[in-house]
């Protein structure tokens, strides 16, 4: 369930930020800002659903998922295929996120 929450949060954050990017950098209608703000609210809410004892740990682990999802967005929405360095860097980030989230604590 945690992976799905993180994926949903990443998509909500990226979509929300992309809405602002589109308005400010690409001249999209300012109406996109409302959708972007709602998407960013959904992102913040979704992160509260992760079952960890500290918010900072939830955010740190989310960072790796965000990197991977951003590269998926790059390819799916912006039409730019990630290169091998993107993929390698993303894999390292996801591995780091897994260590943060699932590492043994005692």
PDB file of N, CA and C in Angstrom:
ATOM      1  N   UNK A   1       0.818  -1.198   0.000  1.00  0.00           N
ATOM      2  CA  UNK A   1       0.000   0.000   0.000  1.00  0.00           C
ATOM      3  C   UNK A   1       0.866   1.268   0.000  1.00  0.00           C
ATOM      4  N   UNK A   2       1.998   1.214   0.712  1.00  0.00           N
ATOM      5  CA  UNK A   2       2.887   2.368   0.780  1.00  0.00           C
ATOM      6  C   UNK A   2       3.368   2.783  -0.605  1.00  0.00           C
ATOM      7  N   UNK A   3       3.720   1.802  -1.426  1.00  0.00           N
ATOM      8  CA  UNK A   3       4.195   2.113  -2.780  1.00  0.00           C
ATOM      9  C   UNK A   3       3.117   2.828  -3.590  1.00  0.00           C
ATOM     10  N   UNK A   4       1.872   2.404  -3.454  1.00  0.00           N
ATOM     11  CA  UNK A   4       0.774   3.061  -4.184  1.00  0.00           C
ATOM     12  C   UNK A   4       0.533   4.483  -3.684  1.00  0.00           C
ATOM     13  N   UNK A   5       0.642   4.661  -2.382  1.00  0.00           N
ATOM     14  CA  UNK A   5       0.483   6.013  -1.820  1.00  0.00           C
ATOM     15  C   UNK A   5       1.581   6.929  -2.352  1.00  0.00           C
ATOM     16  N   UNK A   6       2.823   6.434  -2.322  1.00  0.00           N
ATOM     17  CA  UNK A   6       3.928   7.242  -2.833  1.00  0.00           C
ATOM     18  C   UNK A   6       3.771   7.540  -4.322  1.00  0.00           C
ATOM     19  N   UNK A   7       3.327   6.573  -5.088  1.00  0.00           N
ATOM     20  CA  UNK A   7       3.123   6.809  -6.517  1.00  0.00           C
ATOM     21  C   UNK A   7       2.033   7.846  -6.743  1.00  0.00           C
ATOM     22  N   UNK A   8       0.932   7.730  -6.020  1.00  0.00           N
ATOM     23  CA  UNK A   8      -0.139   8.725  -6.130  1.00  0.00           C
ATOM     24  C   UNK A   8       0.327  10.107  -5.716  1.00  0.00           C
ATOM     25  N   UNK A   9       1.103  10.167  -4.631  1.00  0.00           N
ATOM     26  CA  UNK A   9       1.633  11.453  -4.165  1.00  0.00           C
ATOM     27  C   UNK A   9       2.559  12.058  -5.209  1.00  0.00           C
ATOM     28  N   UNK A  10       3.400  11.231  -5.803  1.00  0.00           N
ATOM     29  CA  UNK A  10       4.336  11.731  -6.815  1.00  0.00           C
ATOM     30  C   UNK A  10       3.582  12.277  -8.025  1.00  0.00           C
ATOM     31  N   UNK A  11       2.601  11.550  -8.485  1.00  0.00           N
ATOM     32  CA  UNK A  11       1.827  12.025  -9.644  1.00  0.00           C
ATOM     33  C   UNK A  11       1.086  13.322  -9.315  1.00  0.00           C
ATOM     34  N   UNK A  12       0.531  13.404  -8.104  1.00  0.00           N
ATOM     35  CA  UNK A  12      -0.173  14.623  -7.703  1.00  0.00           C
ATOM     36  C   UNK A  12       0.793  15.808  -7.609  1.00  0.00           C
ATOM     37  N   UNK A  13       1.968  15.582  -7.026  1.00  0.00           N
ATOM     38  CA  UNK A  13       2.931  16.680  -6.900  1.00  0.00           C
ATOM     39  C   UNK A  13       3.447  17.125  -8.264  1.00  0.00           C
ATOM     40  N   UNK A  14       3.804  16.164  -9.087  1.00  0.00           N
ATOM     41  CA  UNK A  14       4.337  16.512 -10.403  1.00  0.00           C
ATOM     42  C   UNK A  14       3.284  17.221 -11.239  1.00  0.00           C
ATOM     43  N   UNK A  15       2.053  16.722 -11.221  1.00  0.00           N
ATOM     44  CA  UNK A  15       0.980  17.365 -11.986  1.00  0.00           C
ATOM     45  C   UNK A  15       0.726  18.781 -11.474  1.00  0.00           C
ATOM     46  N   UNK A  16       0.732  18.952 -10.152  1.00  0.00           N
ATOM     47  CA  UNK A  16       0.512  20.284  -9.581  1.00  0.00           C
ATOM     48  C   UNK A  16       1.618  21.252  -9.957  1.00  0.00           C
ATOM     49  N   UNK A  17       2.843  20.811  -9.850  1.00  0.00           N
ATOM     50  CA  UNK A  17       3.969  21.673 -10.224  1.00  0.00           C
ATOM     51  C   UNK A  17       3.991  21.938 -11.724  1.00  0.00           C
ATOM     52  N   UNK A  18       3.633  20.930 -12.510  1.00  0.00           N
ATOM     53  CA  UNK A  18       3.603  21.107 -13.960  1.00  0.00           C
ATOM     54  C   UNK A  18       2.541  22.125 -14.371  1.00  0.00           C
ATOM     55  N   UNK A  19       1.429  22.166 -13.629  1.00  0.00           N
ATOM     56  CA  UNK A  19       0.397  23.165 -13.916  1.00  0.00           C
ATOM     57  C   UNK A  19       0.973  24.577 -13.746  1.00  0.00           C
ATOM     58  N   UNK A  20       1.705  24.793 -12.666  1.00  0.00           N
ATOM     59  CA  UNK A  20       2.328  26.098 -12.452  1.00  0.00           C
ATOM     60  C   UNK A  20       3.386  26.377 -13.520  1.00  0.00           C
ATOM     61  N   UNK A  21       4.187  25.382 -13.846  1.00  0.00           N
ATOM     62  CA  UNK A  21       5.193  25.501 -14.905  1.00  0.00           C
ATOM     63  C   UNK A  21       4.525  25.917 -16.211  1.00  0.00           C
ATOM     64  N   UNK A  22       3.420  25.260 -16.523  1.00  0.00           N
ATOM     65  CA  UNK A  22       2.725  25.537 -17.783  1.00  0.00           C
ATOM     66  C   UNK A  22       2.224  26.971 -17.855  1.00  0.00           C
ATOM     67  N   UNK A  23       1.724  27.481 -16.743  1.00  0.00           N
ATOM     68  CA  UNK A  23       1.226  28.859 -16.724  1.00  0.00           C
ATOM     69  C   UNK A  23       2.390  29.845 -16.802  1.00  0.00           C
ATOM     70  N   UNK A  24       3.381  29.646 -15.968  1.00  0.00           N
ATOM     71  CA  UNK A  24       4.458  30.622 -15.851  1.00  0.00           C
ATOM     72  C   UNK A  24       5.510  30.534 -16.953  1.00  0.00           C
ATOM     73  N   UNK A  25       5.707  29.346 -17.516  1.00  0.00           N
ATOM     74  CA  UNK A  25       6.767  29.183 -18.514  1.00  0.00           C
ATOM     75  C   UNK A  25       6.256  28.959 -19.927  1.00  0.00           C
ATOM     76  N   UNK A  26       5.007  28.478 -20.045  1.00  0.00           N
ATOM     77  CA  UNK A  26       4.509  28.135 -21.367  1.00  0.00           C
ATOM     78  C   UNK A  26       3.250  28.894 -21.758  1.00  0.00           C
ATOM     79  N   UNK A  27       2.819  29.825 -20.920  1.00  0.00           N
ATOM     80  CA  UNK A  27       1.684  30.665 -21.256  1.00  0.00           C
ATOM     81  C   UNK A  27       0.320  29.990 -21.210  1.00  0.00           C
ATOM     82  N   UNK A  28       0.187  28.909 -20.441  1.00  0.00           N
ATOM     83  CA  UNK A  28      -1.113  28.244 -20.306  1.00  0.00           C
ATOM     84  C   UNK A  28      -2.090  29.150 -19.567  1.00  0.00           C
ATOM     85  N   UNK A  29      -3.355  28.836 -19.676  1.00  0.00           N
ATOM     86  CA  UNK A  29      -4.408  29.602 -19.010  1.00  0.00           C
ATOM     87  C   UNK A  29      -4.176  29.606 -17.501  1.00  0.00           C
ATOM     88  N   UNK A  30      -4.378  30.751 -16.846  1.00  0.00           N
ATOM     89  CA  UNK A  30      -4.246  30.809 -15.386  1.00  0.00           C
ATOM     90  C   UNK A  30      -5.206  29.877 -14.650  1.00  0.00           C
ATOM     91  N   UNK A  31      -6.222  29.369 -15.324  1.00  0.00           N
ATOM     92  CA  UNK A  31      -7.128  28.410 -14.695  1.00  0.00           C
ATOM     93  C   UNK A  31      -6.394  27.134 -14.280  1.00  0.00           C
ATOM     94  N   UNK A  32      -5.289  26.861 -14.938  1.00  0.00           N
ATOM     95  CA  UNK A  32      -4.483  25.696 -14.569  1.00  0.00           C
ATOM     96  C   UNK A  32      -3.971  25.811 -13.126  1.00  0.00           C
ATOM     97  N   UNK A  33      -3.845  27.044 -12.620  1.00  0.00           N
ATOM     98  CA  UNK A  33      -3.338  27.231 -11.265  1.00  0.00           C
ATOM     99  C   UNK A  33      -4.266  26.621 -10.222  1.00  0.00           C
ATOM    100  N   UNK A  34      -5.580  26.694 -10.446  1.00  0.00           N
ATOM    101  CA  UNK A  34      -6.531  26.093  -9.508  1.00  0.00           C
ATOM    102  C   UNK A  34      -6.360  24.577  -9.482  1.00  0.00           C
ATOM    103  N   UNK A  35      -6.269  23.981 -10.644  1.00  0.00           N
ATOM    104  CA  UNK A  35      -6.060  22.535 -10.710  1.00  0.00           C
ATOM    105  C   UNK A  35      -4.722  22.160 -10.079  1.00  0.00           C
ATOM    106  N   UNK A  36      -3.708  22.979 -10.325  1.00  0.00           N
ATOM    107  CA  UNK A  36      -2.399  22.724  -9.739  1.00  0.00           C
ATOM    108  C   UNK A  36      -2.426  22.786  -8.221  1.00  0.00           C
ATOM    109  N   UNK A  37      -3.125  23.781  -7.679  1.00  0.00           N
ATOM    110  CA  UNK A  37      -3.219  23.911  -6.223  1.00  0.00           C
ATOM    111  C   UNK A  37      -3.955  22.717  -5.615  1.00  0.00           C
ATOM    112  N   UNK A  38      -5.031  22.283  -6.237  1.00  0.00           N
ATOM    113  CA  UNK A  38      -5.765  21.112  -5.740  1.00  0.00           C
ATOM    114  C   UNK A  38      -4.895  19.857  -5.794  1.00  0.00           C
ATOM    115  N   UNK A  39      -4.141  19.734  -6.848  1.00  0.00           N
ATOM    116  CA  UNK A  39      -3.248  18.580  -6.993  1.00  0.00           C
ATOM    117  C   UNK A  39      -2.178  18.590  -5.903  1.00  0.00           C
ATOM    118  N   UNK A  40      -1.646  19.763  -5.590  1.00  0.00           N
ATOM    119  CA  UNK A  40      -0.636  19.857  -4.536  1.00  0.00           C
ATOM    120  C   UNK A  40      -1.237  19.573  -3.154  1.00  0.00           C
ATOM    121  N   UNK A  41      -2.491  19.951  -2.948  1.00  0.00           N
ATOM    122  CA  UNK A  41      -3.166  19.595  -1.694  1.00  0.00           C
ATOM    123  C   UNK A  41      -3.332  18.081  -1.581  1.00  0.00           C
ATOM    124  N   UNK A  42      -3.688  17.435  -2.686  1.00  0.00           N
ATOM    125  CA  UNK A  42      -3.821  15.974  -2.694  1.00  0.00           C
ATOM    126  C   UNK A  42      -2.479  15.315  -2.381  1.00  0.00           C
ATOM    127  N   UNK A  43      -1.417  15.851  -2.945  1.00  0.00           N
ATOM    128  CA  UNK A  43      -0.066  15.346  -2.675  1.00  0.00           C
ATOM    129  C   UNK A  43       0.241  15.369  -1.178  1.00  0.00           C
ATOM    130  N   UNK A  44       0.014  16.519  -0.545  1.00  0.00           N
ATOM    131  CA  UNK A  44       0.320  16.656   0.882  1.00  0.00           C
ATOM    132  C   UNK A  44      -0.531  15.698   1.717  1.00  0.00           C
ATOM    133  N   UNK A  45      -1.795  15.579   1.383  1.00  0.00           N
ATOM    134  CA  UNK A  45      -2.689  14.674   2.108  1.00  0.00           C
ATOM    135  C   UNK A  45      -2.227  13.224   1.954  1.00  0.00           C
ATOM    136  N   UNK A  46      -1.883  12.825   0.742  1.00  0.00           N
ATOM    137  CA  UNK A  46      -1.460  11.444   0.508  1.00  0.00           C
ATOM    138  C   UNK A  46      -0.248  11.072   1.356  1.00  0.00           C
ATOM    139  N   UNK A  47       0.698  11.979   1.497  1.00  0.00           N
ATOM    140  CA  UNK A  47       1.884  11.654   2.300  1.00  0.00           C
ATOM    141  C   UNK A  47       1.544  11.402   3.764  1.00  0.00           C
ATOM    142  N   UNK A  48       0.443  11.960   4.248  1.00  0.00           N
ATOM    143  CA  UNK A  48       0.056  11.708   5.645  1.00  0.00           C
ATOM    144  C   UNK A  48      -0.458  10.286   5.846  1.00  0.00           C
ATOM    145  N   UNK A  49      -0.742   9.576   4.762  1.00  0.00           N
ATOM    146  CA  UNK A  49      -1.284   8.217   4.862  1.00  0.00           C
ATOM    147  C   UNK A  49      -0.206   7.145   4.999  1.00  0.00           C
ATOM    148  N   UNK A  50       1.057   7.511   4.819  1.00  0.00           N
ATOM    149  CA  UNK A  50       2.154   6.546   4.917  1.00  0.00           C
ATOM    150  C   UNK A  50       2.351   6.163   6.384  1.00  0.00           C
ATOM    151  N   UNK A  51       2.431   4.870   6.626  1.00  0.00           N
ATOM    152  CA  UNK A  51       2.566   4.357   7.992  1.00  0.00           C
ATOM    153  C   UNK A  51       4.026   4.337   8.444  1.00  0.00           C
ATOM    154  N   UNK A  52       4.518   5.472   8.889  1.00  0.00           N
ATOM    155  CA  UNK A  52       5.839   5.574   9.512  1.00  0.00           C
ATOM    156  C   UNK A  52       5.699   6.432  10.760  1.00  0.00           C
ATOM    157  N   UNK A  53       6.680   6.322  11.636  1.00  0.00           N
ATOM    158  CA  UNK A  53       6.576   7.035  12.913  1.00  0.00           C
ATOM    159  C   UNK A  53       7.013   8.491  12.843  1.00  0.00           C
ATOM    160  N   UNK A  54       7.673   8.901  11.751  1.00  0.00           N
ATOM    161  CA  UNK A  54       8.169  10.276  11.661  1.00  0.00           C
ATOM    162  C   UNK A  54       7.940  10.832  10.256  1.00  0.00           C
ATOM    163  N   UNK A  55       7.450  12.036  10.205  1.00  0.00           N
ATOM    164  CA  UNK A  55       7.168  12.671   8.905  1.00  0.00           C
ATOM    165  C   UNK A  55       8.429  12.790   8.062  1.00  0.00           C
ATOM    166  N   UNK A  56       9.541  13.143   8.676  1.00  0.00           N
ATOM    167  CA  UNK A  56      10.783  13.309   7.928  1.00  0.00           C
ATOM    168  C   UNK A  56      11.202  12.042   7.208  1.00  0.00           C
ATOM    169  N   UNK A  57      10.977  10.896   7.838  1.00  0.00           N
ATOM    170  CA  UNK A  57      11.325   9.623   7.202  1.00  0.00           C
ATOM    171  C   UNK A  57      10.390   9.350   6.020  1.00  0.00           C
ATOM    172  N   UNK A  58       9.128   9.665   6.171  1.00  0.00           N
ATOM    173  CA  UNK A  58       8.175   9.493   5.056  1.00  0.00           C
ATOM    174  C   UNK A  58       8.587  10.375   3.879  1.00  0.00           C
ATOM    175  N   UNK A  59       8.983  11.609   4.160  1.00  0.00           N
ATOM    176  CA  UNK A  59       9.378  12.536   3.092  1.00  0.00           C
ATOM    177  C   UNK A  59      10.683  12.090   2.432  1.00  0.00           C
ATOM    178  N   UNK A  60      11.627  11.621   3.236  1.00  0.00           N
ATOM    179  CA  UNK A  60      12.912  11.189   2.691  1.00  0.00           C
ATOM    180  C   UNK A  60      12.732   9.995   1.754  1.00  0.00           C
ATOM    181  N   UNK A  61      11.949   9.024   2.184  1.00  0.00           N
ATOM    182  CA  UNK A  61      11.713   7.852   1.345  1.00  0.00           C
ATOM    183  C   UNK A  61      10.942   8.250   0.090  1.00  0.00           C
ATOM    184  N   UNK A  62      10.024   9.171   0.225  1.00  0.00           N
ATOM    185  CA  UNK A  62       9.247   9.640  -0.923  1.00  0.00           C
ATOM    186  C   UNK A  62      10.152  10.258  -1.986  1.00  0.00           C
ATOM    187  N   UNK A  63      11.232  10.863  -1.585  1.00  0.00           N
ATOM    188  CA  UNK A  63      12.130  11.530  -2.529  1.00  0.00           C
ATOM    189  C   UNK A  63      12.600  10.622  -3.644  1.00  0.00           C
ATOM    190  N   UNK A  64      12.932   9.393  -3.322  1.00  0.00           N
ATOM    191  CA  UNK A  64      13.376   8.450  -4.346  1.00  0.00           C
ATOM    192  C   UNK A  64      12.275   8.110  -5.328  1.00  0.00           C
ATOM    193  N   UNK A  65      11.067   7.945  -4.809  1.00  0.00           N
ATOM    194  CA  UNK A  65       9.925   7.666  -5.675  1.00  0.00           C
ATOM    195  C   UNK A  65       9.649   8.870  -6.578  1.00  0.00           C
ATOM    196  N   UNK A  66       9.783  10.067  -6.029  1.00  0.00           N
ATOM    197  CA  UNK A  66       9.558  11.286  -6.803  1.00  0.00           C
ATOM    198  C   UNK A  66      10.514  11.370  -7.992  1.00  0.00           C
ATOM    199  N   UNK A  67      11.776  11.039  -7.776  1.00  0.00           N
ATOM    200  CA  UNK A  67      12.756  11.088  -8.864  1.00  0.00           C
ATOM    201  C   UNK A  67      12.343  10.139  -9.984  1.00  0.00           C
ATOM    202  N   UNK A  68      11.995   8.915  -9.637  1.00  0.00           N
ATOM    203  CA  UNK A  68      11.595   7.931 -10.649  1.00  0.00           C
ATOM    204  C   UNK A  68      10.318   8.366 -11.368  1.00  0.00           C
ATOM    205  N   UNK A  69       9.341   8.849 -10.618  1.00  0.00           N
ATOM    206  CA  UNK A  69       8.080   9.287 -11.224  1.00  0.00           C
ATOM    207  C   UNK A  69       8.299  10.504 -12.128  1.00  0.00           C
ATOM    208  N   UNK A  70       9.207  11.375 -11.747  1.00  0.00           N
ATOM    209  CA  UNK A  70       9.504  12.551 -12.571  1.00  0.00           C
ATOM    210  C   UNK A  70      10.061  12.143 -13.929  1.00  0.00           C
ATOM    211  N   UNK A  71      10.891  11.120 -13.936  1.00  0.00           N
ATOM    212  CA  UNK A  71      11.432  10.641 -15.211  1.00  0.00           C
ATOM    213  C   UNK A  71      10.346   9.950 -16.036  1.00  0.00           C
ATOM    214  N   UNK A  72       9.416   9.289 -15.365  1.00  0.00           N
ATOM    215  CA  UNK A  72       8.265   8.734 -16.080  1.00  0.00           C
ATOM    216  C   UNK A  72       7.428   9.832 -16.705  1.00  0.00           C
ATOM    217  N   UNK A  73       7.233  10.925 -15.987  1.00  0.00           N
ATOM    218  CA  UNK A  73       6.505  12.092 -16.500  1.00  0.00           C
ATOM    219  C   UNK A  73       7.247  12.693 -17.689  1.00  0.00           C
ATOM    220  N   UNK A  74       8.550  12.815 -17.542  1.00  0.00           N
ATOM    221  CA  UNK A  74       9.383  13.350 -18.620  1.00  0.00           C
ATOM    222  C   UNK A  74       9.113  12.604 -19.920  1.00  0.00           C
ATOM    223  N   UNK A  75       9.039  11.287 -19.824  1.00  0.00           N
ATOM    224  CA  UNK A  75       8.845  10.452 -21.002  1.00  0.00           C
ATOM    225  C   UNK A  75       7.390  10.471 -21.467  1.00  0.00           C
ATOM    226  N   UNK A  76       6.444  10.232 -20.548  1.00  0.00           N
ATOM    227  CA  UNK A  76       5.036  10.077 -20.916  1.00  0.00           C
ATOM    228  C   UNK A  76       4.367  11.385 -21.323  1.00  0.00           C
ATOM    229  N   UNK A  77       4.676  12.464 -20.622  1.00  0.00           N
ATOM    230  CA  UNK A  77       3.976  13.733 -20.857  1.00  0.00           C
ATOM    231  C   UNK A  77       4.772  14.676 -21.743  1.00  0.00           C
ATOM    232  N   UNK A  78       6.071  14.754 -21.490  1.00  0.00           N
ATOM    233  CA  UNK A  78       6.885  15.708 -22.233  1.00  0.00           C
ATOM    234  C   UNK A  78       7.542  15.107 -23.472  1.00  0.00           C
ATOM    235  N   UNK A  79       7.451  13.791 -23.619  1.00  0.00           N
ATOM    236  CA  UNK A  79       7.963  13.140 -24.812  1.00  0.00           C
ATOM    237  C   UNK A  79       9.470  13.052 -24.907  1.00  0.00           C
ATOM    238  N   UNK A  80      10.163  13.183 -23.771  1.00  0.00           N
ATOM    239  CA  UNK A  80      11.627  13.090 -23.749  1.00  0.00           C
ATOM    240  C   UNK A  80      11.993  11.773 -23.074  1.00  0.00           C
ATOM    241  N   UNK A  81      12.648  10.906 -23.809  1.00  0.00           N
ATOM    242  CA  UNK A  81      13.009   9.596 -23.268  1.00  0.00           C
ATOM    243  C   UNK A  81      14.208   9.724 -22.332  1.00  0.00           C
ATOM    244  N   UNK A  82      14.078   9.201 -21.092  1.00  0.00           N
ATOM    245  CA  UNK A  82      15.210   9.236 -20.172  1.00  0.00           C
ATOM    246  C   UNK A  82      16.398   8.455 -20.731  1.00  0.00           C
ATOM    247  N   UNK A  83      17.602   8.957 -20.476  1.00  0.00           N
ATOM    248  CA  UNK A  83      18.793   8.246 -20.945  1.00  0.00           C
ATOM    249  C   UNK A  83      19.299   7.315 -19.841  1.00  0.00           C
ATOM    250  N   UNK A  84      20.387   6.634 -20.126  1.00  0.00           N
ATOM    251  CA  UNK A  84      20.891   5.650 -19.168  1.00  0.00           C
ATOM    252  C   UNK A  84      21.288   6.281 -17.847  1.00  0.00           C
ATOM    253  N   UNK A  85      21.737   7.528 -17.871  1.00  0.00           N
ATOM    254  CA  UNK A  85      22.137   8.207 -16.642  1.00  0.00           C
ATOM    255  C   UNK A  85      20.907   8.554 -15.802  1.00  0.00           C
ATOM    256  N   UNK A  86      19.839   8.924 -16.465  1.00  0.00           N
ATOM    257  CA  UNK A  86      18.574   9.161 -15.757  1.00  0.00           C
ATOM    258  C   UNK A  86      18.114   7.888 -15.059  1.00  0.00           C
ATOM    259  N   UNK A  87      18.149   6.785 -15.797  1.00  0.00           N
ATOM    260  CA  UNK A  87      17.692   5.500 -15.261  1.00  0.00           C
ATOM    261  C   UNK A  87      18.586   5.048 -14.108  1.00  0.00           C
ATOM    262  N   UNK A  88      19.891   5.159 -14.278  1.00  0.00           N
ATOM    263  CA  UNK A  88      20.812   4.749 -13.223  1.00  0.00           C
ATOM    264  C   UNK A  88      20.630   5.616 -11.972  1.00  0.00           C
ATOM    265  N   UNK A  89      20.547   6.908 -12.149  1.00  0.00           N
ATOM    266  CA  UNK A  89      20.359   7.801 -11.009  1.00  0.00           C
ATOM    267  C   UNK A  89      19.046   7.531 -10.295  1.00  0.00           C
ATOM    268  N   UNK A  90      18.012   7.284 -11.067  1.00  0.00           N
ATOM    269  CA  UNK A  90      16.712   6.976 -10.491  1.00  0.00           C
ATOM    270  C   UNK A  90      16.752   5.679  -9.700  1.00  0.00           C
ATOM    271  N   UNK A  91      17.409   4.672 -10.232  1.00  0.00           N
ATOM    272  CA  UNK A  91      17.513   3.388  -9.529  1.00  0.00           C
ATOM    273  C   UNK A  91      18.233   3.558  -8.190  1.00  0.00           C
ATOM    274  N   UNK A  92      19.268   4.374  -8.177  1.00  0.00           N
ATOM    275  CA  UNK A  92      19.994   4.639  -6.936  1.00  0.00           C
ATOM    276  C   UNK A  92      19.082   5.341  -5.930  1.00  0.00           C
ATOM    277  N   UNK A  93      18.307   6.293  -6.405  1.00  0.00           N
ATOM    278  CA  UNK A  93      17.387   7.020  -5.519  1.00  0.00           C
ATOM    279  C   UNK A  93      16.321   6.097  -4.939  1.00  0.00           C
ATOM    280  N   UNK A  94      15.758   5.226  -5.772  1.00  0.00           N
ATOM    281  CA  UNK A  94      14.730   4.298  -5.298  1.00  0.00           C
ATOM    282  C   UNK A  94      15.333   3.311  -4.293  1.00  0.00           C
ATOM    283  N   UNK A  95      16.546   2.852  -4.556  1.00  0.00           N
ATOM    284  CA  UNK A  95      17.209   1.961  -3.599  1.00  0.00           C
ATOM    285  C   UNK A  95      17.427   2.683  -2.266  1.00  0.00           C
ATOM    286  N   UNK A  96      17.841   3.925  -2.325  1.00  0.00           N
ATOM    287  CA  UNK A  96      18.020   4.711  -1.102  1.00  0.00           C
ATOM    288  C   UNK A  96      16.703   4.903  -0.353  1.00  0.00           C
ATOM    289  N   UNK A  97      15.643   5.155  -1.084  1.00  0.00           N
ATOM    290  CA  UNK A  97      14.327   5.314  -0.455  1.00  0.00           C
ATOM    291  C   UNK A  97      13.911   4.028   0.241  1.00  0.00           C
ATOM    292  N   UNK A  98      14.162   2.884  -0.385  1.00  0.00           N
ATOM    293  CA  UNK A  98      13.807   1.599   0.231  1.00  0.00           C
ATOM    294  C   UNK A  98      14.604   1.379   1.519  1.00  0.00           C
ATOM    295  N   UNK A  99      15.876   1.751   1.513  1.00  0.00           N
ATOM    296  CA  UNK A  99      16.695   1.608   2.718  1.00  0.00           C
ATOM    297  C   UNK A  99      16.139   2.491   3.844  1.00  0.00           C
ATOM    298  N   UNK A 100      15.800   3.728   3.516  1.00  0.00           N
ATOM    299  CA  UNK A 100      15.250   4.644   4.523  1.00  0.00           C
ATOM    300  C   UNK A 100      13.947   4.092   5.089  1.00  0.00           C
ATOM    301  N   UNK A 101      13.084   3.612   4.214  1.00  0.00           N
ATOM    302  CA  UNK A 101      11.749   3.197   4.649  1.00  0.00           C
ATOM    303  C   UNK A 101      11.742   1.836   5.329  1.00  0.00           C
ATOM    304  N   UNK A 102      12.503   0.888   4.799  1.00  0.00           N
ATOM    305  CA  UNK A 102      12.397  -0.491   5.286  1.00  0.00           C
ATOM    306  C   UNK A 102      13.609  -0.982   6.069  1.00  0.00           C
ATOM    307  N   UNK A 103      14.608  -0.120   6.258  1.00  0.00           N
ATOM    308  CA  UNK A 103      15.793  -0.540   7.014  1.00  0.00           C
ATOM    309  C   UNK A 103      15.438  -0.948   8.433  1.00  0.00           C
ATOM    310  N   UNK A 104      16.156  -1.948   8.958  1.00  0.00           N
ATOM    311  CA  UNK A 104      15.863  -2.414  10.323  1.00  0.00           C
ATOM    312  C   UNK A 104      16.212  -1.336  11.354  1.00  0.00           C
ATOM    313  N   UNK A 105      15.352  -1.158  12.271  1.00  0.00           N
ATOM    314  CA  UNK A 105      15.574  -0.174  13.329  1.00  0.00           C
ATOM    315  C   UNK A 105      15.455  -0.899  14.659  1.00  0.00           C
ATOM    316  N   UNK A 106      16.252  -0.527  15.575  1.00  0.00           N
ATOM    317  CA  UNK A 106      16.175  -1.240  16.838  1.00  0.00           C
ATOM    318  C   UNK A 106      16.521  -0.397  17.944  1.00  0.00           C
TER     319      UNK A 106
END
